Amino acid sequence: MSYTIKANTFATKRYLEVHSAGVVFCETAALGGKRTFSYQQIDCVLLSPASVLSFQVGSEVFSLPINQGKMEHRQAVEAMLQGLQRPAQTGGFPVQYPTA
């Protein structure tokens, strides 16, 4: 099962898909694009008082606003946190690394 948080604006398309083996983050503004991460790659997750969900992978930080009034947004955050607490799994999620 997967959950999606969409945070699109007129000029930017942003979403976060939470899967059992990792997350997909997409931002189509400037140099953005779709990025896939396993839970083992995620170093830190933060939910700000202004309802902005951020996660860090290495030196990069990915953020998008969430609506805590939407059930799917709350479920996505909970699923992400549960995924981070599970022990490392082998295989399953195709990790895409950026190309130079």
N, C-alpha and C. Protein backbone atom coordinates (compact mmCIF):
# COMPACT_ATOMS: atom_id res chain seq x y z
N MET A 1 0.85 -1.18 0.00
CA MET A 1 0.00 0.00 0.00
C MET A 1 0.89 1.23 0.00
N SER A 2 0.45 2.26 -0.67
CA SER A 2 1.20 3.51 -0.68
C SER A 2 0.27 4.67 -0.36
N TYR A 3 0.88 5.74 0.10
CA TYR A 3 0.17 6.96 0.43
C TYR A 3 0.84 8.10 -0.32
N THR A 4 0.06 9.11 -0.68
CA THR A 4 0.61 10.24 -1.43
C THR A 4 0.21 11.55 -0.78
N ILE A 5 1.18 12.44 -0.69
CA ILE A 5 0.93 13.81 -0.25
C ILE A 5 1.23 14.70 -1.46
N LYS A 6 0.22 15.42 -1.92
CA LYS A 6 0.40 16.33 -3.05
C LYS A 6 0.41 17.76 -2.52
N ALA A 7 1.37 18.54 -2.99
CA ALA A 7 1.48 19.93 -2.59
C ALA A 7 1.80 20.77 -3.83
N ASN A 8 0.91 20.75 -4.79
CA ASN A 8 1.12 21.46 -6.05
C ASN A 8 0.74 22.92 -5.92
N THR A 9 1.46 23.75 -6.67
CA THR A 9 1.10 25.16 -6.83
C THR A 9 0.97 25.43 -8.32
N PHE A 10 0.69 26.64 -8.67
CA PHE A 10 0.56 27.00 -10.08
C PHE A 10 1.86 26.72 -10.84
N ALA A 11 3.00 27.02 -10.23
CA ALA A 11 4.29 26.89 -10.92
C ALA A 11 5.07 25.63 -10.57
N THR A 12 4.65 24.92 -9.55
CA THR A 12 5.44 23.79 -9.06
C THR A 12 4.55 22.58 -8.81
N LYS A 13 5.04 21.43 -9.24
CA LYS A 13 4.37 20.17 -8.92
C LYS A 13 5.23 19.46 -7.89
N ARG A 14 4.67 19.20 -6.72
CA ARG A 14 5.40 18.49 -5.66
C ARG A 14 4.52 17.41 -5.08
N TYR A 15 5.14 16.24 -4.85
CA TYR A 15 4.43 15.19 -4.15
C TYR A 15 5.42 14.25 -3.48
N LEU A 16 4.91 13.53 -2.51
CA LEU A 16 5.66 12.51 -1.80
C LEU A 16 4.82 11.25 -1.80
N GLU A 17 5.38 10.17 -2.31
CA GLU A 17 4.73 8.86 -2.25
C GLU A 17 5.46 8.03 -1.21
N VAL A 18 4.71 7.45 -0.30
CA VAL A 18 5.30 6.62 0.75
C VAL A 18 4.91 5.17 0.47
N HIS A 19 5.92 4.34 0.29
CA HIS A 19 5.74 2.92 0.01
C HIS A 19 6.32 2.10 1.15
N SER A 20 6.09 0.82 1.14
CA SER A 20 6.59 -0.03 2.22
C SER A 20 8.12 -0.10 2.25
N ALA A 21 8.79 0.11 1.13
CA ALA A 21 10.24 0.00 1.08
C ALA A 21 10.97 1.33 0.96
N GLY A 22 10.23 2.44 0.86
CA GLY A 22 10.89 3.73 0.73
C GLY A 22 9.92 4.80 0.27
N VAL A 23 10.49 5.92 -0.18
CA VAL A 23 9.68 7.06 -0.59
C VAL A 23 10.11 7.54 -1.97
N VAL A 24 9.17 8.19 -2.66
CA VAL A 24 9.44 8.86 -3.92
C VAL A 24 9.07 10.33 -3.70
N PHE A 25 10.02 11.22 -3.97
CA PHE A 25 9.78 12.66 -3.84
C PHE A 25 9.92 13.28 -5.22
N CYS A 26 8.97 14.11 -5.59
CA CYS A 26 9.01 14.76 -6.89
C CYS A 26 8.79 16.26 -6.71
N GLU A 27 9.67 17.03 -7.35
CA GLU A 27 9.51 18.48 -7.40
C GLU A 27 9.92 18.91 -8.79
N THR A 28 8.99 19.48 -9.53
CA THR A 28 9.26 19.84 -10.92
C THR A 28 9.41 21.35 -11.07
N ALA A 29 10.26 21.93 -10.25
CA ALA A 29 10.58 23.34 -10.37
C ALA A 29 12.09 23.46 -10.56
N ALA A 30 12.49 24.31 -11.44
CA ALA A 30 13.92 24.56 -11.73
C ALA A 30 14.63 23.25 -12.07
N LEU A 31 15.52 22.79 -11.21
CA LEU A 31 16.31 21.59 -11.49
C LEU A 31 15.78 20.36 -10.79
N GLY A 32 14.57 20.40 -10.32
CA GLY A 32 14.00 19.28 -9.58
C GLY A 32 13.67 18.10 -10.49
N GLY A 33 13.03 17.14 -9.92
CA GLY A 33 12.63 15.95 -10.64
C GLY A 33 12.22 14.89 -9.65
N LYS A 34 12.00 13.69 -10.15
CA LYS A 34 11.57 12.58 -9.28
C LYS A 34 12.78 11.88 -8.71
N ARG A 35 12.78 11.69 -7.40
CA ARG A 35 13.87 11.00 -6.70
C ARG A 35 13.28 9.90 -5.84
N THR A 36 13.97 8.77 -5.77
CA THR A 36 13.52 7.62 -5.00
C THR A 36 14.55 7.31 -3.92
N PHE A 37 14.06 7.07 -2.70
CA PHE A 37 14.95 6.79 -1.57
C PHE A 37 14.44 5.61 -0.77
N SER A 38 15.35 4.75 -0.36
CA SER A 38 14.98 3.70 0.58
C SER A 38 14.99 4.32 1.98
N TYR A 39 14.36 3.67 2.93
CA TYR A 39 14.33 4.20 4.29
C TYR A 39 15.74 4.25 4.89
N GLN A 40 16.61 3.35 4.47
CA GLN A 40 17.97 3.33 5.01
C GLN A 40 18.76 4.58 4.60
N GLN A 41 18.36 5.23 3.51
CA GLN A 41 19.05 6.44 3.05
C GLN A 41 18.62 7.68 3.81
N ILE A 42 17.45 7.66 4.45
CA ILE A 42 16.91 8.84 5.12
C ILE A 42 17.55 9.00 6.48
N ASP A 43 18.18 10.16 6.68
CA ASP A 43 18.90 10.43 7.92
C ASP A 43 18.03 11.07 8.99
N CYS A 44 17.08 11.90 8.58
CA CYS A 44 16.31 12.67 9.55
C CYS A 44 14.97 13.07 8.95
N VAL A 45 13.93 13.13 9.80
CA VAL A 45 12.60 13.59 9.39
C VAL A 45 12.14 14.63 10.40
N LEU A 46 11.55 15.71 9.90
CA LEU A 46 11.09 16.79 10.76
C LEU A 46 9.72 17.27 10.27
N LEU A 47 8.81 17.47 11.19
CA LEU A 47 7.53 18.10 10.90
C LEU A 47 7.49 19.41 11.67
N SER A 48 7.52 20.51 10.95
CA SER A 48 7.59 21.83 11.59
C SER A 48 6.24 22.24 12.16
N PRO A 49 6.22 23.21 13.07
CA PRO A 49 4.95 23.72 13.59
C PRO A 49 4.07 24.31 12.49
N ALA A 50 4.67 24.70 11.36
CA ALA A 50 3.91 25.26 10.23
C ALA A 50 3.44 24.16 9.28
N SER A 51 3.51 22.90 9.71
CA SER A 51 3.07 21.74 8.94
C SER A 51 3.85 21.55 7.64
N VAL A 52 5.16 21.70 7.73
CA VAL A 52 6.04 21.40 6.61
C VAL A 52 6.82 20.15 6.97
N LEU A 53 6.67 19.11 6.14
CA LEU A 53 7.38 17.85 6.34
C LEU A 53 8.70 17.92 5.59
N SER A 54 9.79 17.67 6.28
CA SER A 54 11.12 17.68 5.68
C SER A 54 11.83 16.40 6.03
N PHE A 55 12.64 15.90 5.09
CA PHE A 55 13.51 14.77 5.39
C PHE A 55 14.86 15.00 4.74
N GLN A 56 15.88 14.49 5.38
CA GLN A 56 17.25 14.71 4.93
C GLN A 56 17.86 13.40 4.44
N VAL A 57 18.51 13.48 3.29
CA VAL A 57 19.27 12.38 2.72
C VAL A 57 20.65 12.93 2.42
N GLY A 58 21.64 12.50 3.19
CA GLY A 58 22.98 13.08 3.03
C GLY A 58 22.93 14.56 3.35
N SER A 59 23.42 15.38 2.41
CA SER A 59 23.42 16.82 2.64
C SER A 59 22.20 17.52 2.01
N GLU A 60 21.29 16.76 1.41
CA GLU A 60 20.11 17.33 0.77
C GLU A 60 18.90 17.25 1.70
N VAL A 61 18.08 18.29 1.66
CA VAL A 61 16.84 18.33 2.43
C VAL A 61 15.68 18.51 1.46
N PHE A 62 14.66 17.68 1.62
CA PHE A 62 13.48 17.71 0.77
C PHE A 62 12.29 18.09 1.64
N SER A 63 11.49 19.06 1.21
CA SER A 63 10.38 19.56 2.03
C SER A 63 9.13 19.76 1.20
N LEU A 64 7.99 19.59 1.85
CA LEU A 64 6.72 19.96 1.26
C LEU A 64 5.71 20.18 2.38
N PRO A 65 4.79 21.12 2.15
CA PRO A 65 3.77 21.37 3.16
C PRO A 65 2.76 20.23 3.18
N ILE A 66 2.23 19.95 4.35
CA ILE A 66 1.18 18.94 4.47
C ILE A 66 -0.05 19.59 5.09
N ASN A 67 -1.17 18.96 4.89
CA ASN A 67 -2.42 19.41 5.49
C ASN A 67 -2.80 18.38 6.54
N GLN A 68 -2.60 18.69 7.81
CA GLN A 68 -2.87 17.73 8.87
C GLN A 68 -4.36 17.42 9.00
N GLY A 69 -5.20 18.20 8.32
CA GLY A 69 -6.62 17.93 8.32
C GLY A 69 -7.01 16.83 7.33
N LYS A 70 -6.09 16.47 6.44
CA LYS A 70 -6.36 15.41 5.46
C LYS A 70 -5.87 14.07 6.00
N MET A 71 -6.76 13.10 6.02
CA MET A 71 -6.44 11.77 6.54
C MET A 71 -5.26 11.14 5.78
N GLU A 72 -5.24 11.26 4.45
CA GLU A 72 -4.17 10.64 3.67
C GLU A 72 -2.81 11.25 3.99
N HIS A 73 -2.75 12.53 4.28
CA HIS A 73 -1.49 13.16 4.66
C HIS A 73 -1.00 12.61 6.00
N ARG A 74 -1.92 12.51 6.96
CA ARG A 74 -1.54 11.96 8.27
C ARG A 74 -1.10 10.51 8.14
N GLN A 75 -1.81 9.73 7.32
CA GLN A 75 -1.43 8.33 7.12
C GLN A 75 -0.07 8.21 6.44
N ALA A 76 0.22 9.08 5.51
CA ALA A 76 1.51 9.05 4.82
C ALA A 76 2.65 9.34 5.79
N VAL A 77 2.47 10.33 6.64
CA VAL A 77 3.50 10.66 7.64
C VAL A 77 3.69 9.48 8.59
N GLU A 78 2.61 8.89 9.05
CA GLU A 78 2.70 7.75 9.96
C GLU A 78 3.37 6.56 9.28
N ALA A 79 3.02 6.29 8.03
CA ALA A 79 3.64 5.17 7.30
C ALA A 79 5.14 5.41 7.10
N MET A 80 5.52 6.66 6.84
CA MET A 80 6.93 6.99 6.67
C MET A 80 7.69 6.75 7.97
N LEU A 81 7.12 7.20 9.08
CA LEU A 81 7.78 7.00 10.37
C LEU A 81 7.88 5.52 10.73
N GLN A 82 6.85 4.75 10.42
CA GLN A 82 6.90 3.31 10.67
C GLN A 82 7.96 2.65 9.80
N GLY A 83 8.06 3.07 8.54
CA GLY A 83 9.07 2.52 7.65
C GLY A 83 10.48 2.79 8.14
N LEU A 84 10.68 3.95 8.74
CA LEU A 84 12.00 4.30 9.26
C LEU A 84 12.36 3.47 10.49
N GLN A 85 11.37 2.97 11.21
CA GLN A 85 11.62 2.19 12.41
C GLN A 85 11.86 0.71 12.13
N ARG A 86 11.47 0.24 10.94
CA ARG A 86 11.66 -1.18 10.60
C ARG A 86 13.13 -1.47 10.37
N PRO A 87 13.56 -2.70 10.69
CA PRO A 87 14.93 -3.07 10.38
C PRO A 87 15.16 -3.08 8.87
N ALA A 88 16.40 -2.92 8.46
CA ALA A 88 16.75 -2.88 7.04
C ALA A 88 16.28 -4.15 6.34
N GLN A 89 15.68 -3.97 5.16
CA GLN A 89 15.22 -5.08 4.36
C GLN A 89 16.08 -5.15 3.11
N THR A 90 16.22 -6.33 2.56
CA THR A 90 17.01 -6.47 1.35
C THR A 90 16.08 -6.52 0.15
N GLY A 91 16.51 -5.90 -0.93
CA GLY A 91 15.76 -5.96 -2.19
C GLY A 91 14.43 -5.24 -2.10
N GLY A 92 13.65 -5.37 -3.15
CA GLY A 92 12.28 -4.87 -3.13
C GLY A 92 12.07 -3.53 -3.78
N PHE A 93 12.81 -2.49 -3.40
CA PHE A 93 12.52 -1.15 -3.87
C PHE A 93 13.63 -0.68 -4.79
N PRO A 94 13.33 -0.35 -6.02
CA PRO A 94 14.37 0.09 -6.95
C PRO A 94 14.82 1.51 -6.62
N VAL A 95 16.01 1.66 -6.13
CA VAL A 95 16.54 2.97 -5.78
C VAL A 95 17.15 3.58 -7.04
N GLN A 96 16.74 4.82 -7.36
CA GLN A 96 17.27 5.52 -8.52
C GLN A 96 18.21 6.60 -8.03
N TYR A 97 19.45 6.54 -8.48
CA TYR A 97 20.43 7.53 -8.11
C TYR A 97 20.50 8.59 -9.22
N PRO A 98 20.73 9.84 -8.85
CA PRO A 98 20.80 10.89 -9.88
C PRO A 98 21.98 10.65 -10.80
N THR A 99 21.80 10.99 -12.05
CA THR A 99 22.88 10.88 -13.01
C THR A 99 23.50 12.25 -13.24
N ALA A 100 24.77 12.26 -13.48
CA ALA A 100 25.48 13.53 -13.66
C ALA A 100 25.29 14.09 -15.04
